[in-house]
Amino acid sequence: MFSNTARNLRLDGSLLRCELQQNGGGNWVGAEVDLNNHFDNNGFGKICSGGRGFWATLDHSKTRLDGHTFYGACSAGPNYPGTYYDFKLDLDRYFKNRDGRLVFIE
């Protein structure tokens, strides 16, 4: 779990930024990852890992980070304009700290 070695988690647009410990207890270093490069919307309002481009389908007024959990609402797709579905992503499930770098878990 990267959150055990992370502090000051925040969102800056689609960028997840934080400070991570190096070598399991060493220096704190700045780290970031673009969530848009790792998640997509399946077209039916469900966020899926391993894709790209989900950020454009979100209702950004509902986007927030609470600890290591990312909350938001994504579009149900072009056939349902204005319809959004709430989601939450436990970022510990998708990322790890590799010596001060946020790495996506395949």
N, C-alpha and C. Protein backbone atom coordinates (compact mmCIF):
# COMPACT_ATOMS: atom_id res chain seq x y z
N MET A 1 0.84 -1.19 0.00
CA MET A 1 0.00 0.00 0.00
C MET A 1 0.88 1.24 0.00
N PHE A 2 0.72 2.04 -1.03
CA PHE A 2 1.54 3.24 -1.10
C PHE A 2 1.15 4.25 -0.03
N SER A 3 -0.10 4.24 0.41
CA SER A 3 -0.56 5.27 1.35
C SER A 3 0.15 5.19 2.71
N ASN A 4 0.71 4.03 3.04
CA ASN A 4 1.45 3.91 4.30
C ASN A 4 2.75 4.70 4.28
N THR A 5 3.23 5.01 3.08
CA THR A 5 4.49 5.75 2.94
C THR A 5 4.28 7.04 2.17
N ALA A 6 3.06 7.58 2.23
CA ALA A 6 2.72 8.81 1.51
C ALA A 6 2.15 9.85 2.46
N ARG A 7 2.34 11.10 2.09
CA ARG A 7 1.72 12.19 2.85
C ARG A 7 1.39 13.32 1.87
N ASN A 8 0.50 14.20 2.32
CA ASN A 8 0.10 15.37 1.53
C ASN A 8 -0.47 14.98 0.16
N LEU A 9 -1.34 13.97 0.13
CA LEU A 9 -1.98 13.59 -1.12
C LEU A 9 -2.93 14.69 -1.55
N ARG A 10 -2.92 15.00 -2.86
CA ARG A 10 -3.80 16.03 -3.39
C ARG A 10 -3.98 15.81 -4.89
N LEU A 11 -5.08 16.37 -5.39
CA LEU A 11 -5.35 16.34 -6.83
C LEU A 11 -5.07 17.71 -7.42
N ASP A 12 -4.44 17.72 -8.56
CA ASP A 12 -4.22 18.93 -9.34
C ASP A 12 -4.67 18.58 -10.75
N GLY A 13 -5.96 18.81 -11.02
CA GLY A 13 -6.53 18.29 -12.25
C GLY A 13 -6.50 16.77 -12.17
N SER A 14 -6.02 16.13 -13.23
CA SER A 14 -5.94 14.67 -13.22
C SER A 14 -4.66 14.14 -12.57
N LEU A 15 -3.80 15.06 -12.11
CA LEU A 15 -2.56 14.64 -11.46
C LEU A 15 -2.78 14.34 -9.99
N LEU A 16 -2.36 13.17 -9.56
CA LEU A 16 -2.31 12.82 -8.15
C LEU A 16 -0.91 13.16 -7.69
N ARG A 17 -0.81 14.07 -6.73
CA ARG A 17 0.50 14.50 -6.22
C ARG A 17 0.60 14.16 -4.74
N CYS A 18 1.81 13.85 -4.31
CA CYS A 18 2.05 13.54 -2.90
C CYS A 18 3.54 13.56 -2.64
N GLU A 19 3.87 13.29 -1.40
CA GLU A 19 5.26 13.06 -1.02
C GLU A 19 5.35 11.60 -0.60
N LEU A 20 6.38 10.92 -1.06
CA LEU A 20 6.58 9.51 -0.75
C LEU A 20 7.93 9.31 -0.07
N GLN A 21 7.97 8.34 0.82
CA GLN A 21 9.24 7.97 1.44
C GLN A 21 10.04 7.10 0.49
N GLN A 22 11.34 7.33 0.47
CA GLN A 22 12.23 6.47 -0.30
C GLN A 22 12.78 5.38 0.61
N ASN A 23 13.02 4.22 0.04
CA ASN A 23 13.65 3.11 0.76
C ASN A 23 12.98 2.77 2.08
N GLY A 24 11.66 2.83 2.12
CA GLY A 24 10.91 2.41 3.29
C GLY A 24 11.21 3.18 4.56
N GLY A 25 11.55 4.43 4.48
CA GLY A 25 11.77 5.21 5.69
C GLY A 25 12.83 6.28 5.51
N GLY A 26 13.30 6.45 4.30
CA GLY A 26 14.32 7.46 4.03
C GLY A 26 13.73 8.83 3.80
N ASN A 27 14.31 9.54 2.89
CA ASN A 27 13.88 10.90 2.56
C ASN A 27 12.48 10.91 1.97
N TRP A 28 11.81 12.05 2.15
CA TRP A 28 10.52 12.29 1.50
C TRP A 28 10.79 13.00 0.19
N VAL A 29 10.18 12.52 -0.89
CA VAL A 29 10.37 13.13 -2.20
C VAL A 29 9.00 13.37 -2.84
N GLY A 30 8.93 14.39 -3.69
CA GLY A 30 7.70 14.67 -4.41
C GLY A 30 7.45 13.61 -5.48
N ALA A 31 6.20 13.24 -5.63
CA ALA A 31 5.83 12.24 -6.63
C ALA A 31 4.49 12.63 -7.24
N GLU A 32 4.28 12.23 -8.49
CA GLU A 32 3.00 12.48 -9.13
C GLU A 32 2.75 11.43 -10.19
N VAL A 33 1.48 11.25 -10.48
CA VAL A 33 1.07 10.36 -11.55
C VAL A 33 -0.20 10.96 -12.16
N ASP A 34 -0.32 10.85 -13.47
CA ASP A 34 -1.51 11.34 -14.15
C ASP A 34 -2.54 10.21 -14.19
N LEU A 35 -3.59 10.35 -13.40
CA LEU A 35 -4.63 9.31 -13.34
C LEU A 35 -5.26 9.07 -14.70
N ASN A 36 -5.28 10.11 -15.55
CA ASN A 36 -5.87 10.00 -16.87
C ASN A 36 -5.14 8.99 -17.76
N ASN A 37 -3.91 8.67 -17.41
CA ASN A 37 -3.13 7.69 -18.19
C ASN A 37 -3.36 6.25 -17.74
N HIS A 38 -4.21 6.05 -16.72
CA HIS A 38 -4.37 4.70 -16.18
C HIS A 38 -5.82 4.24 -16.03
N PHE A 39 -6.78 5.13 -16.29
CA PHE A 39 -8.19 4.78 -16.12
C PHE A 39 -9.01 5.29 -17.30
N ASP A 40 -10.06 4.56 -17.63
CA ASP A 40 -11.00 5.03 -18.64
C ASP A 40 -12.43 4.77 -18.18
N ASN A 41 -13.36 5.33 -18.93
CA ASN A 41 -14.79 5.13 -18.71
C ASN A 41 -15.24 4.13 -19.75
N ASN A 42 -15.85 3.05 -19.33
CA ASN A 42 -16.24 2.01 -20.28
C ASN A 42 -17.40 2.42 -21.19
N GLY A 43 -17.85 3.67 -21.08
CA GLY A 43 -18.94 4.15 -21.92
C GLY A 43 -20.30 3.97 -21.28
N PHE A 44 -20.35 3.32 -20.15
CA PHE A 44 -21.60 3.10 -19.43
C PHE A 44 -21.52 3.61 -18.01
N GLY A 45 -20.58 4.53 -17.76
CA GLY A 45 -20.47 5.14 -16.44
C GLY A 45 -19.67 4.35 -15.44
N LYS A 46 -18.84 3.44 -15.91
CA LYS A 46 -18.00 2.66 -15.00
C LYS A 46 -16.53 2.95 -15.30
N ILE A 47 -15.78 3.26 -14.24
CA ILE A 47 -14.35 3.52 -14.38
C ILE A 47 -13.61 2.18 -14.38
N CYS A 48 -12.72 2.02 -15.35
CA CYS A 48 -11.94 0.79 -15.49
C CYS A 48 -10.46 1.11 -15.49
N SER A 49 -9.68 0.25 -14.88
CA SER A 49 -8.23 0.46 -14.87
C SER A 49 -7.62 -0.07 -16.16
N GLY A 50 -6.43 0.44 -16.46
CA GLY A 50 -5.71 -0.03 -17.63
C GLY A 50 -6.03 0.72 -18.90
N GLY A 51 -6.88 1.72 -18.83
CA GLY A 51 -7.21 2.50 -20.01
C GLY A 51 -6.71 3.92 -19.90
N ARG A 52 -7.26 4.78 -20.72
CA ARG A 52 -6.86 6.19 -20.72
C ARG A 52 -8.06 7.07 -20.99
N GLY A 53 -7.97 8.31 -20.51
CA GLY A 53 -8.91 9.34 -20.93
C GLY A 53 -10.17 9.51 -20.11
N PHE A 54 -10.24 8.96 -18.91
CA PHE A 54 -11.48 9.06 -18.14
C PHE A 54 -11.77 10.47 -17.67
N TRP A 55 -10.74 11.31 -17.53
CA TRP A 55 -10.89 12.63 -16.91
C TRP A 55 -11.94 13.48 -17.62
N ALA A 56 -12.01 13.40 -18.94
CA ALA A 56 -12.95 14.21 -19.72
C ALA A 56 -14.40 13.78 -19.50
N THR A 57 -14.63 12.61 -18.92
CA THR A 57 -16.00 12.11 -18.72
C THR A 57 -16.53 12.35 -17.32
N LEU A 58 -15.75 13.06 -16.49
CA LEU A 58 -16.14 13.27 -15.09
C LEU A 58 -16.95 14.54 -14.90
N ASP A 59 -17.80 14.52 -13.89
CA ASP A 59 -18.44 15.74 -13.37
C ASP A 59 -17.47 16.26 -12.31
N HIS A 60 -16.67 17.26 -12.68
CA HIS A 60 -15.58 17.71 -11.82
C HIS A 60 -16.06 18.37 -10.53
N SER A 61 -17.33 18.76 -10.46
CA SER A 61 -17.84 19.33 -9.22
C SER A 61 -17.95 18.27 -8.12
N LYS A 62 -17.92 17.00 -8.50
CA LYS A 62 -18.03 15.91 -7.52
C LYS A 62 -16.71 15.19 -7.28
N THR A 63 -15.64 15.67 -7.91
CA THR A 63 -14.33 15.04 -7.78
C THR A 63 -13.67 15.46 -6.48
N ARG A 64 -13.21 14.46 -5.70
CA ARG A 64 -12.51 14.78 -4.45
C ARG A 64 -11.64 13.61 -4.04
N LEU A 65 -10.68 13.93 -3.20
CA LEU A 65 -9.77 12.94 -2.66
C LEU A 65 -9.94 12.94 -1.15
N ASP A 66 -10.18 11.78 -0.58
CA ASP A 66 -10.30 11.63 0.87
C ASP A 66 -9.31 10.56 1.30
N GLY A 67 -8.18 10.99 1.86
CA GLY A 67 -7.12 10.04 2.16
C GLY A 67 -6.59 9.46 0.87
N HIS A 68 -6.62 8.14 0.75
CA HIS A 68 -6.16 7.49 -0.48
C HIS A 68 -7.32 7.01 -1.34
N THR A 69 -8.53 7.54 -1.10
CA THR A 69 -9.70 7.17 -1.89
C THR A 69 -10.12 8.35 -2.75
N PHE A 70 -10.29 8.09 -4.04
CA PHE A 70 -10.68 9.10 -5.02
C PHE A 70 -12.17 8.91 -5.32
N TYR A 71 -12.95 9.96 -5.13
CA TYR A 71 -14.40 9.92 -5.38
C TYR A 71 -14.74 10.82 -6.56
N GLY A 72 -15.76 10.43 -7.30
CA GLY A 72 -16.21 11.25 -8.40
C GLY A 72 -17.49 10.70 -9.00
N ALA A 73 -17.86 11.29 -10.13
CA ALA A 73 -19.02 10.83 -10.89
C ALA A 73 -18.64 10.89 -12.36
N CYS A 74 -18.93 9.81 -13.09
CA CYS A 74 -18.56 9.76 -14.50
C CYS A 74 -19.81 9.61 -15.37
N SER A 75 -19.67 10.09 -16.59
CA SER A 75 -20.76 10.12 -17.54
C SER A 75 -21.22 8.71 -17.90
N ALA A 76 -22.53 8.58 -18.10
CA ALA A 76 -23.09 7.30 -18.52
C ALA A 76 -22.92 7.08 -20.02
N GLY A 77 -22.39 8.07 -20.72
CA GLY A 77 -22.13 7.93 -22.15
C GLY A 77 -23.04 8.80 -22.99
N PRO A 78 -22.77 8.86 -24.29
CA PRO A 78 -23.50 9.76 -25.19
C PRO A 78 -24.98 9.44 -25.33
N ASN A 79 -25.38 8.22 -25.06
CA ASN A 79 -26.80 7.86 -25.16
C ASN A 79 -27.61 8.33 -23.97
N TYR A 80 -26.92 8.80 -22.91
CA TYR A 80 -27.59 9.26 -21.69
C TYR A 80 -27.00 10.59 -21.25
N PRO A 81 -27.18 11.64 -22.05
CA PRO A 81 -26.57 12.93 -21.73
C PRO A 81 -27.03 13.45 -20.37
N GLY A 82 -26.08 13.95 -19.59
CA GLY A 82 -26.39 14.50 -18.28
C GLY A 82 -26.53 13.47 -17.18
N THR A 83 -26.39 12.19 -17.50
CA THR A 83 -26.48 11.14 -16.50
C THR A 83 -25.08 10.75 -16.04
N TYR A 84 -24.88 10.78 -14.73
CA TYR A 84 -23.57 10.45 -14.15
C TYR A 84 -23.74 9.40 -13.07
N TYR A 85 -22.74 8.57 -12.93
CA TYR A 85 -22.74 7.54 -11.89
C TYR A 85 -21.58 7.80 -10.93
N ASP A 86 -21.88 7.72 -9.64
CA ASP A 86 -20.84 7.90 -8.63
C ASP A 86 -19.89 6.71 -8.63
N PHE A 87 -18.64 6.99 -8.31
CA PHE A 87 -17.65 5.93 -8.19
C PHE A 87 -16.66 6.29 -7.09
N LYS A 88 -15.93 5.29 -6.64
CA LYS A 88 -14.80 5.53 -5.75
C LYS A 88 -13.69 4.56 -6.13
N LEU A 89 -12.47 5.06 -6.08
CA LEU A 89 -11.30 4.26 -6.39
C LEU A 89 -10.39 4.24 -5.17
N ASP A 90 -10.10 3.07 -4.67
CA ASP A 90 -9.11 2.92 -3.60
C ASP A 90 -7.75 2.91 -4.29
N LEU A 91 -7.04 4.02 -4.20
CA LEU A 91 -5.78 4.16 -4.93
C LEU A 91 -4.71 3.18 -4.46
N ASP A 92 -4.82 2.67 -3.24
CA ASP A 92 -3.88 1.64 -2.78
C ASP A 92 -3.99 0.37 -3.63
N ARG A 93 -5.14 0.15 -4.21
CA ARG A 93 -5.34 -1.03 -5.04
C ARG A 93 -4.62 -0.91 -6.39
N TYR A 94 -4.38 0.32 -6.83
CA TYR A 94 -3.85 0.55 -8.17
C TYR A 94 -2.43 1.09 -8.23
N PHE A 95 -1.91 1.58 -7.11
CA PHE A 95 -0.58 2.19 -7.12
C PHE A 95 0.26 1.68 -5.96
N LYS A 96 1.57 1.70 -6.17
CA LYS A 96 2.51 1.36 -5.10
C LYS A 96 3.66 2.36 -5.12
N ASN A 97 4.35 2.42 -4.01
CA ASN A 97 5.53 3.26 -3.87
C ASN A 97 6.75 2.41 -4.22
N ARG A 98 7.42 2.80 -5.27
CA ARG A 98 8.66 2.11 -5.64
C ARG A 98 9.80 3.10 -5.46
N ASP A 99 10.37 3.10 -4.27
CA ASP A 99 11.50 3.97 -3.92
C ASP A 99 11.23 5.44 -4.25
N GLY A 100 10.06 5.92 -3.85
CA GLY A 100 9.73 7.33 -4.03
C GLY A 100 9.04 7.66 -5.34
N ARG A 101 8.63 6.64 -6.09
CA ARG A 101 7.88 6.87 -7.33
C ARG A 101 6.53 6.16 -7.23
N LEU A 102 5.49 6.83 -7.70
CA LEU A 102 4.17 6.19 -7.77
C LEU A 102 4.14 5.32 -9.01
N VAL A 103 3.89 4.04 -8.83
CA VAL A 103 3.90 3.10 -9.94
C VAL A 103 2.53 2.42 -10.03
N PHE A 104 1.97 2.38 -11.24
CA PHE A 104 0.69 1.72 -11.48
C PHE A 104 0.88 0.22 -11.39
N ILE A 105 -0.02 -0.46 -10.69
CA ILE A 105 0.01 -1.91 -10.57
C ILE A 105 -0.80 -2.49 -11.71
N GLU A 106 -0.15 -3.22 -12.57
CA GLU A 106 -0.81 -3.80 -13.75
C GLU A 106 -1.80 -4.87 -13.34
